[in-house]
Protein backbone atom coordinates (compact mmCIF):
# COMPACT_ATOMS: atom_id res chain seq x y z
CA UNK A 1 2.92 18.58 -16.71
CA UNK A 2 -0.78 19.00 -14.80
CA UNK A 3 -1.95 16.24 -12.56
CA UNK A 4 -5.09 15.55 -10.43
CA UNK A 5 -5.49 12.88 -7.54
CA UNK A 6 -9.21 11.37 -6.97
CA UNK A 7 -11.09 8.11 -6.40
CA UNK A 8 -14.61 6.99 -5.85
CA UNK A 9 -15.52 6.74 -2.06
CA UNK A 10 -18.07 3.61 -1.09
CA UNK A 11 -20.98 5.58 -2.40
CA UNK A 12 -19.48 5.91 -5.83
CA UNK A 13 -19.12 9.72 -5.25
CA UNK A 14 -15.71 11.41 -6.76
CA UNK A 15 -13.52 12.51 -4.27
CA UNK A 16 -10.92 15.43 -5.35
CA UNK A 17 -7.78 15.34 -3.27
CA UNK A 18 -5.89 17.71 -4.85
CA UNK A 19 -5.77 19.38 -8.47
CA UNK A 20 -3.61 20.97 -10.71
CA UNK A 21 -0.25 19.27 -9.58
CA UNK A 22 2.48 20.76 -11.20
CA UNK A 23 5.62 19.07 -12.05
CA UNK A 24 8.63 19.83 -13.62
CA UNK A 25 11.11 18.07 -15.85
CA UNK A 26 12.59 16.00 -13.32
CA UNK A 27 9.22 14.65 -12.36
CA UNK A 28 9.16 17.03 -8.74
CA UNK A 29 6.53 18.32 -7.68
CA UNK A 30 6.62 22.50 -8.04
CA UNK A 31 2.86 23.14 -6.95
CA UNK A 32 -0.77 21.95 -6.17
CA UNK A 33 -4.24 23.31 -6.08
CA UNK A 34 -5.89 22.08 -3.10
CA UNK A 35 -9.31 21.10 -2.65
CA UNK A 36 -11.65 19.96 -0.01
CA UNK A 37 -10.89 21.44 2.93
CA UNK A 38 -9.74 25.23 3.28
CA UNK A 39 -8.38 26.74 0.03
CA UNK A 40 -4.91 27.13 -0.57
CA UNK A 41 -2.04 26.42 -3.11
CA UNK A 42 1.37 24.36 -1.74
CA UNK A 43 4.43 24.45 -3.23
CA UNK A 44 7.38 22.21 -3.18
CA UNK A 45 10.92 22.73 -2.89
CA UNK A 46 13.58 20.27 -3.60
CA UNK A 47 17.97 19.69 -3.49
CA UNK A 48 19.92 18.77 -5.81
CA UNK A 49 19.72 15.42 -4.88
CA UNK A 50 15.99 15.26 -5.58
CA UNK A 51 14.93 15.06 -1.91
CA UNK A 52 11.85 17.11 -0.61
CA UNK A 53 13.19 19.60 1.16
CA UNK A 54 10.40 21.96 1.94
CA UNK A 55 6.40 22.34 1.54
CA UNK A 56 4.87 25.84 1.75
CA UNK A 57 1.74 27.56 0.84
CA UNK A 58 2.14 29.97 -1.88
CA UNK A 59 1.81 33.71 -1.21
CA UNK A 60 3.02 32.60 2.74
CA UNK A 61 5.89 34.91 2.71
CA UNK A 62 7.00 34.04 6.17
CA UNK A 63 5.63 30.32 6.34
CA UNK A 64 3.82 31.14 9.34
CA UNK A 65 0.75 29.17 8.17
CA UNK A 66 -1.50 31.86 6.82
CA UNK A 67 -1.49 35.00 4.30
CA UNK A 68 -1.99 38.13 5.80
CA UNK A 69 -1.02 41.57 5.81
CA UNK A 70 2.21 40.90 7.07
CA UNK A 71 3.29 38.81 4.27
CA UNK A 72 2.49 41.90 1.58
CA UNK A 73 5.90 43.81 3.11
CA UNK A 74 7.56 40.41 2.54
CA UNK A 75 5.91 39.83 -1.10
CA UNK A 76 7.64 43.67 -2.16
CA UNK A 77 10.93 42.70 -0.47
CA UNK A 78 10.80 39.26 -2.35
CA UNK A 79 10.74 41.62 -5.58
CA UNK A 80 13.40 43.85 -4.45
CA UNK A 81 15.38 41.15 -3.92
CA UNK A 82 14.67 39.19 -7.48
CA UNK A 83 15.54 42.53 -9.59
CA UNK A 84 19.09 42.57 -7.08
CA UNK A 85 18.00 45.45 -5.03
CA UNK A 86 17.51 43.66 -1.85
CA UNK A 87 18.64 40.72 0.26
CA UNK A 88 16.40 37.26 1.71
CA UNK A 89 18.27 35.96 4.96
CA UNK A 90 14.93 34.31 5.57
CA UNK A 91 15.04 30.24 5.20
CA UNK A 92 11.35 30.77 4.27
CA UNK A 93 11.86 30.62 0.39
CA UNK A 94 11.27 34.02 -1.80
CA UNK A 95 9.72 32.00 -4.38
CA UNK A 96 7.07 31.39 -1.94
CA UNK A 97 5.51 34.71 -4.18
CA UNK A 98 5.76 33.36 -7.75
CA UNK A 99 2.50 33.06 -8.76
CA UNK A 100 2.38 32.96 -12.27
CA UNK A 101 5.38 30.07 -12.56
CA UNK A 102 8.20 31.92 -14.14
CA UNK A 103 10.75 31.46 -11.73
CA UNK A 104 11.08 34.89 -10.17
CA UNK A 105 9.32 37.28 -8.33
CA UNK A 106 7.79 40.45 -10.15
CA UNK A 107 5.07 42.90 -10.08
CA UNK A 108 3.17 40.54 -12.68
CA UNK A 109 2.91 38.15 -9.27
CA UNK A 110 0.96 41.12 -7.27
CA UNK A 111 -2.51 40.35 -8.73
CA UNK A 112 -2.32 36.32 -7.75
CA UNK A 113 -0.94 37.29 -4.20
CA UNK A 114 -4.29 39.54 -4.14
CA UNK A 115 -6.64 36.68 -4.61
CA UNK A 116 -4.88 34.61 -2.15
CA UNK A 117 -5.17 36.89 0.58
CA UNK A 118 -8.82 37.83 -0.34
CA UNK A 119 -9.32 33.93 -0.48
CA UNK A 120 -7.67 33.33 2.98
CA UNK A 121 -5.83 30.81 1.88
CA UNK A 122 -3.96 28.89 4.85
CA UNK A 123 -1.69 25.23 4.95
CA UNK A 124 1.18 24.18 7.06
CA UNK A 125 5.13 25.23 5.87
CA UNK A 126 7.29 22.29 6.92
CA UNK A 127 10.87 21.69 6.19
CA UNK A 128 12.46 18.21 5.55
CA UNK A 129 16.45 17.35 6.83
CA UNK A 130 18.62 15.42 5.33
CA UNK A 131 21.74 13.44 5.60
CA UNK A 132 24.81 12.41 3.57
CA UNK A 133 22.96 9.47 2.67
CA UNK A 134 19.77 11.10 1.82
CA UNK A 135 18.13 10.01 4.67
CA UNK A 136 15.65 12.12 6.50
CA UNK A 137 16.43 13.12 9.67
CA UNK A 138 14.70 15.78 10.54
CA UNK A 139 10.84 17.43 9.92
CA UNK A 140 10.37 20.33 11.76
CA UNK A 141 9.04 24.08 11.24
CA UNK A 142 10.70 26.27 8.84
CA UNK A 143 12.97 28.51 10.40
CA UNK A 144 11.77 31.61 11.99
CA UNK A 145 7.90 30.11 12.34
CA UNK A 146 8.44 28.23 15.74
CA UNK A 147 5.44 28.54 17.90
CA UNK A 148 4.28 27.01 21.28
CA UNK A 149 2.64 24.03 20.09
CA UNK A 150 4.90 22.76 17.94
CA UNK A 151 7.61 20.04 17.76
CA UNK A 152 10.56 18.91 15.33
CA UNK A 153 11.02 14.91 14.96
CA UNK A 154 14.59 13.45 14.50
CA UNK A 155 15.26 10.02 13.21
CA UNK A 156 18.31 7.75 13.70
CA UNK A 157 19.50 4.94 11.94
CA UNK A 158 21.84 2.40 11.90
CA UNK A 159 24.42 1.57 8.73
CA UNK A 160 21.40 -1.04 7.23
CA UNK A 161 19.22 1.72 7.14
CA UNK A 162 16.69 0.85 9.96
CA UNK A 163 15.31 3.34 11.90
CA UNK A 164 16.60 2.59 15.47
CA UNK A 165 15.25 6.10 16.99
CA UNK A 166 12.63 8.87 16.89
CA UNK A 167 12.38 11.71 19.23
CA UNK A 168 9.76 14.17 19.86
CA UNK A 169 10.96 17.35 20.76
CA UNK A 170 8.53 20.59 21.68
CA UNK A 171 9.18 24.28 20.99
CA UNK A 172 9.68 26.02 24.20
CA UNK A 173 8.35 29.07 24.52
CA UNK A 174 10.46 30.61 27.58
CA UNK A 175 14.01 29.79 26.50
CA UNK A 176 12.65 30.28 22.39
CA UNK A 177 14.33 27.21 21.60
CA UNK A 178 13.98 23.57 21.74
CA UNK A 179 13.58 21.93 24.84
CA UNK A 180 16.65 20.30 26.07
CA UNK A 181 14.35 17.17 26.63
CA UNK A 182 12.06 15.49 24.19
CA UNK A 183 8.76 14.64 25.13
CA UNK A 184 8.94 11.45 23.42
CA UNK A 185 11.81 9.03 22.64
CA UNK A 186 11.63 5.34 21.30
CA UNK A 187 14.29 3.14 19.98
CA UNK A 188 14.14 -0.09 17.75
CA UNK A 189 15.68 -3.30 17.51
CA UNK A 190 15.61 -5.18 14.40
CA UNK A 191 16.05 -8.86 13.52
CA UNK A 192 16.80 -8.26 9.50
CA UNK A 193 13.51 -5.88 8.53
CA UNK A 194 11.33 -7.42 11.27
CA UNK A 195 11.00 -5.07 14.17
CA UNK A 196 11.65 -6.89 17.48
CA UNK A 197 10.98 -4.52 20.46
CA UNK A 198 10.19 -0.74 20.40
CA UNK A 199 11.41 0.78 24.06
CA UNK A 200 10.44 4.30 26.04
CA UNK A 201 13.70 5.98 27.16
CA UNK A 202 12.32 8.89 29.51
CA UNK A 203 13.57 11.98 30.93
CA UNK A 204 14.00 10.39 33.88
CA UNK A 205 14.35 6.51 34.84
CA UNK A 206 15.73 3.24 32.98
CA UNK A 207 14.94 2.55 29.79
CA UNK A 208 11.98 -0.21 29.39
CA UNK A 209 10.20 -2.40 26.88
CA UNK A 210 6.91 -0.62 25.47
CA UNK A 211 5.98 -3.26 22.61
CA UNK A 212 7.62 -6.56 21.49
CA UNK A 213 6.01 -7.77 18.14
CA UNK A 214 5.65 -11.31 16.92
CA UNK A 215 5.60 -12.20 13.20
CA UNK A 216 4.83 -14.71 10.36
CA UNK A 217 5.16 -15.23 6.85
CA UNK A 218 4.98 -12.26 4.95
CA UNK A 219 2.92 -11.39 1.71
CA UNK A 220 5.39 -13.46 -0.43
CA UNK A 221 5.39 -16.52 2.16
CA UNK A 222 1.46 -16.73 1.92
CA UNK A 223 2.16 -16.19 -1.59
CA UNK A 224 3.87 -19.62 -2.01
CA UNK A 225 7.35 -18.51 -1.37
CA UNK A 226 9.53 -20.91 0.66
CA UNK A 227 9.71 -19.84 4.54
CA UNK A 228 9.40 -16.16 3.14
CA UNK A 229 9.39 -13.27 6.07
CA UNK A 230 10.46 -10.68 4.20
CA UNK A 231 10.48 -10.96 0.44
CA UNK A 232 7.45 -8.68 0.62
CA UNK A 233 9.06 -6.02 3.39
CA UNK A 234 6.94 -8.18 6.18
CA UNK A 235 4.18 -6.94 4.84
CA UNK A 236 1.19 -8.67 5.77
CA UNK A 237 3.21 -10.28 8.20
CA UNK A 238 2.87 -9.21 11.63
CA UNK A 239 0.72 -11.18 13.65
CA UNK A 240 0.42 -9.62 16.86
CA UNK A 241 2.14 -6.80 19.41
CA UNK A 242 2.24 -7.25 23.05
CA UNK A 243 2.37 -3.90 24.58
CA UNK A 244 3.34 -3.07 28.49
CA UNK A 245 1.77 -0.41 30.47
CA UNK A 246 4.38 1.63 31.25
CA UNK A 247 2.47 4.70 32.98
CA UNK A 248 3.90 3.61 36.84
CA UNK A 249 7.58 3.47 35.73
CA UNK A 250 9.68 1.06 34.09
CA UNK A 251 7.97 -2.17 35.60
CA UNK A 252 5.35 -2.70 33.17
CA UNK A 253 1.83 -4.04 34.29
CA UNK A 254 0.10 -6.52 32.88
CA UNK A 255 0.51 -6.45 29.29
CA UNK A 256 -2.20 -6.11 26.24
CA UNK A 257 -2.20 -8.55 23.21
CA UNK A 258 -2.90 -7.30 19.71
CA UNK A 259 -3.63 -9.81 16.90
CA UNK A 260 -3.44 -8.06 13.05
CA UNK A 261 -6.01 -8.42 10.40
CA UNK A 262 -5.09 -7.65 6.77
CA UNK A 263 -6.76 -7.00 3.57
CA UNK A 264 -5.47 -8.99 0.46
CA UNK A 265 -2.45 -6.33 -0.29
CA UNK A 266 -1.20 -6.64 3.36
CA UNK A 267 -2.87 -3.63 4.77
CA UNK A 268 -4.17 -3.45 8.38
CA UNK A 269 -7.48 -3.56 8.33
CA UNK A 270 -8.12 -4.38 12.05
CA UNK A 271 -6.58 -4.47 15.52
CA UNK A 272 -7.82 -7.01 17.96
CA UNK A 273 -7.27 -7.07 21.75
CA UNK A 274 -6.81 -10.54 22.24
CA UNK A 275 -6.21 -10.27 26.25
CA UNK A 276 -9.79 -10.20 27.01
CA UNK A 277 -10.04 -7.64 29.58
CA UNK A 278 -12.28 -8.41 33.10
CA UNK A 279 -15.74 -8.96 32.17
CA UNK A 280 -15.60 -9.41 28.77
CA UNK A 281 -16.50 -12.40 27.06
CA UNK A 282 -14.30 -12.46 23.94
CA UNK A 283 -12.02 -10.66 21.69
CA UNK A 284 -12.89 -6.90 20.64
CA UNK A 285 -11.95 -4.89 17.43
CA UNK A 286 -10.28 -2.09 19.20
CA UNK A 287 -9.18 -0.66 16.03
CA UNK A 288 -10.83 -0.19 12.55
CA UNK A 289 -8.89 1.35 9.44
CA UNK A 290 -9.75 2.21 6.20
CA UNK A 291 -7.89 3.90 2.88
CA UNK A 292 -8.07 5.90 -0.17
CA UNK A 293 -5.81 4.35 -3.17
CA UNK A 294 -2.99 6.46 -2.27
CA UNK A 295 -2.85 5.16 1.31
CA UNK A 296 -4.46 7.65 3.11
CA UNK A 297 -6.14 6.94 6.35
CA UNK A 298 -10.33 7.93 5.17
CA UNK A 299 -11.82 6.55 8.48
CA UNK A 300 -9.95 5.36 11.51
CA UNK A 301 -12.04 3.99 14.30
CA UNK A 302 -11.18 2.45 17.83
CA UNK A 303 -9.50 2.94 21.09
CA UNK A 304 -6.65 1.84 19.65
CA UNK A 305 -6.69 3.33 16.40
CA UNK A 306 -4.52 6.24 17.05
CA UNK A 307 -1.71 4.59 19.35
CA UNK A 308 -1.37 1.81 16.70
CA UNK A 309 1.29 2.87 14.29
CA UNK A 310 1.48 -0.06 11.68
CA UNK A 311 -1.53 0.75 8.89
CA UNK A 312 -0.85 0.84 5.54
CA UNK A 313 0.78 -2.13 3.70
CA UNK A 314 1.83 -3.10 7.47
CA UNK A 315 4.42 0.09 7.70
CA UNK A 316 5.01 2.34 10.69
CA UNK A 317 3.62 5.27 10.42
CA UNK A 318 4.48 8.79 12.14
CA UNK A 319 1.19 10.66 13.48
CA UNK A 320 3.48 13.95 13.76
CA UNK A 321 4.67 13.71 10.27
CA UNK A 322 1.92 11.99 8.31
CA UNK A 323 4.51 10.03 6.39
CA UNK A 324 5.11 6.35 5.95
CA UNK A 325 8.81 4.50 6.77
CA UNK A 326 9.00 1.88 4.19
CA UNK A 327 12.51 1.21 5.02
CA UNK A 328 14.73 2.86 2.41
CA UNK A 329 12.01 5.99 1.77
CA UNK A 330 9.27 7.90 3.34
CA UNK A 331 5.76 7.77 1.66
CA UNK A 332 3.50 10.61 1.62
CA UNK A 333 0.12 9.64 1.04
CA UNK A 334 -0.81 13.16 0.76
CA UNK A 335 1.00 13.66 -1.94
CA UNK A 336 0.77 9.76 -3.44
CA UNK A 337 4.84 9.41 -3.86
CA UNK A 338 7.72 9.10 -2.08
CA UNK A 339 9.28 12.07 -0.59
CA UNK A 340 12.64 11.08 -2.02
CA UNK A 341 14.38 9.93 -5.30
CA UNK A 342 14.43 6.19 -6.13
CA UNK A 343 18.46 5.66 -4.81
CA UNK A 344 19.20 3.66 -8.15
CA UNK A 345 17.96 6.47 -9.94
CA UNK A 346 16.40 6.25 -13.05
CA UNK A 347 17.49 2.10 -13.80
CA UNK A 348 14.24 1.08 -13.47
CA UNK A 349 11.77 3.85 -14.35
CA UNK A 350 12.53 7.41 -15.30
CA UNK A 351 9.79 8.58 -12.97
CA UNK A 352 11.60 8.43 -9.64
CA UNK A 353 8.88 9.53 -6.87
CA UNK A 354 6.22 7.48 -8.25
CA UNK A 355 4.83 4.79 -5.91
CA UNK A 356 3.91 1.81 -7.51
CA UNK A 357 3.29 3.14 -10.88
CA UNK A 358 -0.17 4.86 -9.11
CA UNK A 359 -1.82 1.53 -8.66
CA UNK A 360 -1.36 1.17 -4.90
CA UNK A 361 -4.72 -0.66 -4.97
CA UNK A 362 -2.92 -3.04 -7.10
CA UNK A 363 0.24 -3.93 -5.89
CA UNK A 364 2.85 -2.68 -3.15
CA UNK A 365 6.33 -2.24 -2.72
CA UNK A 366 8.26 -4.09 0.23
CA UNK A 367 11.07 -1.69 0.92
CA UNK A 368 10.19 1.47 -0.89
CA UNK A 369 12.90 0.60 -3.58
CA UNK A 370 12.68 0.82 -7.26
CA UNK A 371 9.26 -0.03 -8.86
CA UNK A 372 10.09 -2.83 -11.36
CA UNK A 373 11.34 -4.95 -8.37
CA UNK A 374 8.08 -4.49 -6.98
CA UNK A 375 6.41 -5.27 -9.77
CA UNK A 376 8.77 -8.50 -10.58
CA UNK A 377 8.04 -9.56 -7.56
CA UNK A 378 3.90 -9.12 -8.20
CA UNK A 379 4.36 -10.72 -11.27
CA UNK A 380 7.00 -13.76 -10.14
CA UNK A 381 5.11 -14.18 -6.56
CA UNK A 382 1.45 -13.95 -8.15
CA UNK A 383 0.51 -13.22 -11.46
CA UNK A 384 3.27 -15.87 -13.09
CA UNK A 385 1.91 -18.86 -10.42
CA UNK A 386 -1.78 -17.74 -11.33
CA UNK A 387 -0.64 -17.79 -14.98
CA UNK A 388 0.73 -21.21 -14.77
CA UNK A 389 -2.12 -22.38 -12.60
CA UNK A 390 -4.35 -21.32 -15.39
CA UNK A 391 -2.24 -23.10 -17.92
CA UNK A 392 -2.14 -26.32 -16.33
CA UNK A 393 -6.00 -26.14 -15.86
CA UNK A 394 -6.29 -25.24 -19.52
CA UNK A 395 -4.02 -28.14 -20.24
CA UNK A 396 -6.25 -30.73 -17.95
CA UNK A 397 -9.28 -29.30 -19.19
CA UNK A 398 -7.95 -30.13 -23.03
CA UNK A 399 -6.89 -33.75 -21.97
CA UNK A 400 -10.39 -34.30 -20.69
CA UNK A 401 -12.23 -32.57 -23.91
CA UNK A 402 -10.07 -34.81 -25.71
CA UNK A 403 -10.37 -38.10 -23.59
CA UNK A 404 -14.60 -37.65 -23.75
CA UNK A 405 -14.06 -36.95 -27.55
CA UNK A 406 -12.46 -40.43 -27.85
CA UNK A 407 -14.90 -41.79 -24.98
CA UNK A 408 -17.34 -40.71 -27.32
CA UNK A 409 -15.98 -41.93 -30.22
CA UNK A 410 -15.71 -45.73 -28.88
CA UNK A 411 -18.67 -45.03 -27.65
CA UNK A 412 -20.22 -45.27 -30.90
CA UNK A 413 -18.21 -47.87 -32.65
CA UNK A 414 -19.66 -49.55 -29.37
CA UNK A 415 -23.03 -48.77 -30.65
CA UNK A 416 -22.34 -49.62 -33.93
CA UNK A 417 -20.84 -52.84 -33.58
CA UNK A 418 -24.24 -53.32 -30.60
CA UNK A 419 -26.23 -52.79 -33.89
CA UNK A 420 -24.40 -55.44 -36.36
CA UNK A 421 -24.63 -57.53 -33.32
CA UNK A 422 -28.06 -57.15 -32.87
CA UNK A 423 -28.75 -57.75 -36.44
CA UNK A 424 -26.71 -60.78 -36.62
CA UNK A 425 -28.86 -62.10 -33.43
CA UNK A 426 -31.76 -61.55 -35.21
CA UNK A 427 -30.67 -63.04 -38.40
CA UNK A 428 -29.45 -66.15 -36.67
CA UNK A 429 -32.80 -66.11 -34.90
CA UNK A 430 -34.51 -66.20 -37.97
CA UNK A 431 -32.24 -68.80 -39.51
CA UNK A 432 -32.67 -71.10 -36.04
CA UNK A 433 -36.31 -70.68 -36.68
CA UNK A 434 -36.11 -71.92 -40.63
CA UNK A 435 -33.85 -74.69 -39.17
CA UNK A 436 -36.42 -75.80 -36.85
CA UNK A 437 -39.35 -75.37 -38.87
CA UNK A 438 -37.81 -77.63 -41.71
CA UNK A 439 -37.05 -80.36 -39.16
CA UNK A 440 -39.77 -80.23 -38.00
CA UNK A 441 -41.37 -81.06 -41.43
CA UNK A 442 -38.68 -83.56 -42.44
CA UNK A 443 -39.97 -85.60 -39.24
CA UNK A 444 -43.25 -85.19 -40.09
CA UNK A 445 -42.87 -86.97 -43.33
CA UNK A 446 -40.52 -89.50 -42.09
CA UNK A 447 -43.61 -90.40 -39.82
CA UNK A 448 -46.03 -91.15 -42.41
CA UNK A 449 -43.72 -92.34 -44.57
CA UNK A 450 -42.88 -94.98 -41.51
CA UNK A 451 -46.75 -95.35 -41.21
CA UNK A 452 -47.01 -96.22 -45.24
CA UNK A 453 -44.40 -99.16 -44.94
CA UNK A 454 -46.45 -100.52 -41.84
CA UNK A 455 -49.58 -100.47 -43.99
CA UNK A 456 -47.90 -102.39 -46.84
């Protein structure tokens, strides 16, 4: 099957992120044509557990990020490898030379390779290592492509899948190996799924607190769930971060307090420096983010924008890998899907890589679990209460309508009774007038009769 990823920007212009995503029967991406930048075609490889283990450039036979004459000889070797006359001792997949998608590399792929060579395709090649629990433990260059300026990122987890350590180690050209000490070493202390402390572990000296975190109600709590700090995976619940300046050593200088502001889906939109630096009358926005529908950052502005790791969906993002850490899975905004399959398999959805049913602008996932739970949470937290409120409103409206109808009917009956009463009053007044007139006649007659009697 072939997919496309696109969206419209603020000017309603169509932005094409990639075209020609080709997925296999397991809904795993195999290739994707990249657009909007340098031309290229990505190839994706998965292990038997469904984890993405490598992303490379089609035609890049040595995985160095470019297609040149060096790859031509390796393409010919891949052809011999698939017909059984040669070996392939490299980590970079021989299937990078498969341009027609038939699962082997033959002479029929030479035309596709020549087109890529002439077009100057470029693109990254990255390897992903996973542990026995299907947790991402290393992101690194493909073996044999290490060079000055590249690094490997390693992760350590506790028994609850919480990431408790992250290290970034550079490549040492002098020793042709990874450096003996990481250039960045961070540890994390959690309470449930709320990160409380982030510490820095320098190559020499003591471990020191770099950041402390303050949490409030997440989207579930804001949606009405009682005392919910984690029901929505803490999305939208990070209130503030206190950051210490460790440039002078393990004894931190005066801390800086950052406050987080969100959109309706719990994505960090702005970060405010609440500490009011000297000479500044009020707090200032130090980071501003805008996102595409798949969670990719389309705009990042401010002095703290690159330093802040909490962005889309209030999750930690690693600039070294371009991935977001959800707890149980990592998410790739460039692919718009998870890096590994759903931990519960196909119990919730046959598509075990899809993020929020490809509707990231309408919902969210709490911890990287199955889409059904996310939709159920959304249904229970927002949709069902909304429908209940709307039903109650309609019922109240109907009662009011019924009451108005009853009042109108009573009013009409009153008017009828009033008309009848007014007619009765008019009739009574007429009768009274007649009586008074008749009484007057009788009195005058009695007077005349009395006068006649006196004369007699």
